[in-house]
């Protein structure tokens, strides 16, 4: 498939760590243009995060945190609300469907599912499936029991 938006994000993060901020900005900008996306280098994505279709159209703002094994589909936005402090936090094992918008200081709990084109403005409990505009709870799974 070639380099993905995460490839450029990770390369830019490494260049920042190596004290090469200008080169990091160039690499990030090339990735943004190439994938019509923006994954801010100040976002914290676990190494196991996957972006659908290489991250085409994905917007991940500065400060956003995404936990392990989460899948973010194409054309998803994780951004702050204008005039409101805070950005989304996405837990582990979360699936966010195509075109979903997660806005403001919300938390998507571990194991949650966000439906395609959903508008998430409130917290999503762990193991919950939400969809709609605005997103509403459709289904809730019991949390896994420790064995």
Protein backbone atom coordinates (compact mmCIF):
# COMPACT_ATOMS: atom_id res chain seq x y z
CA UNK A 1 0.00 0.00 0.00
CA UNK A 2 2.94 2.32 0.48
CA UNK A 3 3.49 4.91 3.18
CA UNK A 4 0.43 5.71 5.28
CA UNK A 5 -0.47 8.78 7.32
CA UNK A 6 0.92 6.92 10.35
CA UNK A 7 4.23 6.38 8.53
CA UNK A 8 4.64 10.14 8.13
CA UNK A 9 3.41 10.80 11.70
CA UNK A 10 5.91 8.36 13.20
CA UNK A 11 8.78 9.67 11.05
CA UNK A 12 7.99 13.26 12.07
CA UNK A 13 7.84 12.22 15.76
CA UNK A 14 11.27 10.58 15.46
CA UNK A 15 12.71 13.67 13.79
CA UNK A 16 11.32 15.85 16.59
CA UNK A 17 12.97 13.55 19.13
CA UNK A 18 16.24 13.95 17.20
CA UNK A 19 15.97 17.75 17.52
CA UNK A 20 15.22 18.31 13.82
CA UNK A 21 11.94 20.26 14.06
CA UNK A 22 12.08 21.85 10.61
CA UNK A 23 12.60 18.53 8.88
CA UNK A 24 9.87 17.02 11.08
CA UNK A 25 7.47 19.75 9.94
CA UNK A 26 8.32 19.09 6.29
CA UNK A 27 7.74 15.33 6.68
CA UNK A 28 4.43 15.95 8.49
CA UNK A 29 3.30 18.41 5.81
CA UNK A 30 4.12 15.96 3.01
CA UNK A 31 2.10 13.28 4.80
CA UNK A 32 -0.80 15.71 5.26
CA UNK A 33 -0.87 16.59 1.56
CA UNK A 34 -0.32 13.05 0.36
CA UNK A 35 -3.22 11.62 2.40
CA UNK A 36 -5.46 14.70 2.61
CA UNK A 37 -5.24 14.31 6.36
CA UNK A 38 -3.62 15.77 9.45
CA UNK A 39 -2.22 13.68 12.29
CA UNK A 40 -0.66 16.23 14.64
CA UNK A 41 2.74 15.26 16.00
CA UNK A 42 1.58 16.43 19.45
CA UNK A 43 -1.09 13.69 19.47
CA UNK A 44 -0.30 10.48 21.38
CA UNK A 45 -1.12 7.39 19.32
CA UNK A 46 -0.24 3.95 20.64
CA UNK A 47 2.02 2.07 18.18
CA UNK A 48 -0.72 -0.52 17.54
CA UNK A 49 -3.28 2.07 16.31
CA UNK A 50 -4.50 1.48 12.75
CA UNK A 51 -5.95 4.06 10.36
CA UNK A 52 -8.36 2.79 7.70
CA UNK A 53 -7.28 3.16 4.06
CA UNK A 54 -3.93 4.51 5.19
CA UNK A 55 -5.48 7.46 6.99
CA UNK A 56 -7.15 9.19 4.03
CA UNK A 57 -9.02 12.25 5.31
CA UNK A 58 -8.29 11.61 8.99
CA UNK A 59 -7.91 14.65 11.26
CA UNK A 60 -6.31 14.05 14.66
CA UNK A 61 -5.67 17.25 16.61
CA UNK A 62 -2.88 18.13 18.98
CA UNK A 63 -3.23 16.50 22.40
CA UNK A 64 -5.55 13.68 21.30
CA UNK A 65 -4.73 10.33 22.91
CA UNK A 66 -5.57 6.99 21.28
CA UNK A 67 -5.08 3.69 23.12
CA UNK A 68 -3.76 0.36 21.92
CA UNK A 69 -5.40 -1.74 19.19
CA UNK A 70 -7.84 1.01 18.22
CA UNK A 71 -9.03 1.35 14.62
CA UNK A 72 -9.83 4.78 13.18
CA UNK A 73 -11.60 4.60 9.80
CA UNK A 74 -11.07 7.07 6.95
CA UNK A 75 -12.49 10.62 7.09
CA UNK A 76 -12.73 10.64 10.90
CA UNK A 77 -12.13 13.85 12.86
CA UNK A 78 -10.89 13.88 16.46
CA UNK A 79 -10.78 17.59 17.31
CA UNK A 80 -11.57 20.17 19.99
CA UNK A 81 -14.77 22.20 19.90
CA UNK A 82 -14.19 25.89 19.17
CA UNK A 83 -14.05 27.85 22.42
CA UNK A 84 -14.01 24.72 24.60
CA UNK A 85 -10.86 23.45 26.32
CA UNK A 86 -9.93 19.81 25.87
CA UNK A 87 -9.64 17.22 23.14
CA UNK A 88 -10.95 13.68 22.69
CA UNK A 89 -9.38 10.71 24.43
CA UNK A 90 -9.89 7.31 22.80
CA UNK A 91 -9.41 4.17 24.88
CA UNK A 92 -8.06 0.78 23.88
CA UNK A 93 -9.75 -1.62 21.42
CA UNK A 94 -12.04 1.10 20.08
CA UNK A 95 -13.53 1.09 16.57
CA UNK A 96 -14.51 4.44 15.03
CA UNK A 97 -16.52 4.15 11.79
CA UNK A 98 -16.13 6.05 8.54
CA UNK A 99 -16.81 9.79 8.69
CA UNK A 100 -17.41 9.96 12.45
CA UNK A 101 -16.74 13.24 14.23
CA UNK A 102 -15.55 13.11 17.86
CA UNK A 103 -15.44 16.67 19.13
CA UNK A 104 -14.47 18.32 22.40
CA UNK A 105 -13.22 16.95 25.71
CA UNK A 106 -14.93 13.56 25.43
CA UNK A 107 -13.70 10.11 26.36
CA UNK A 108 -14.42 7.03 24.27
CA UNK A 109 -14.17 4.09 26.69
CA UNK A 110 -12.26 0.87 26.11
CA UNK A 111 -13.93 -1.53 23.69
CA UNK A 112 -16.48 1.04 22.45
CA UNK A 113 -17.76 1.24 18.88
CA UNK A 114 -18.68 4.51 17.16
CA UNK A 115 -20.88 4.10 14.09
CA UNK A 116 -20.26 5.63 10.67
CA UNK A 117 -20.96 9.37 10.40
CA UNK A 118 -21.76 9.63 14.13
CA UNK A 119 -21.34 12.99 15.86
CA UNK A 120 -19.92 12.30 19.33
CA UNK A 121 -20.21 15.23 21.75
CA UNK A 122 -20.54 13.28 25.02
CA UNK A 123 -18.52 10.53 26.71
CA UNK A 124 -19.02 6.97 25.48
CA UNK A 125 -18.95 4.28 28.19
CA UNK A 126 -16.65 1.27 27.80
CA UNK A 127 -18.13 -1.51 25.65
CA UNK A 128 -20.89 0.74 24.29
CA UNK A 129 -21.96 1.10 20.66
CA UNK A 130 -23.14 4.57 19.64
CA UNK A 131 -24.42 6.00 16.36
CA UNK A 132 -26.39 8.93 15.03
CA UNK A 133 -26.32 12.72 15.04
CA UNK A 134 -25.83 13.35 17.89
CA UNK A 135 -24.52 9.93 18.89
CA UNK A 136 -26.86 7.86 21.04
CA UNK A 137 -26.28 4.54 22.79
CA UNK A 138 -27.48 1.57 20.74
CA UNK A 139 -26.00 -1.36 22.62
CA UNK A 140 -23.92 -2.01 25.70
CA UNK A 141 -21.77 -5.09 26.21
CA UNK A 142 -20.84 -6.38 29.62
CA UNK A 143 -17.18 -5.75 30.39
CA UNK A 144 -14.98 -8.83 29.99
CA UNK A 145 -14.38 -10.75 33.19
CA UNK A 146 -10.84 -11.47 34.31
CA UNK A 147 -9.91 -15.15 34.26
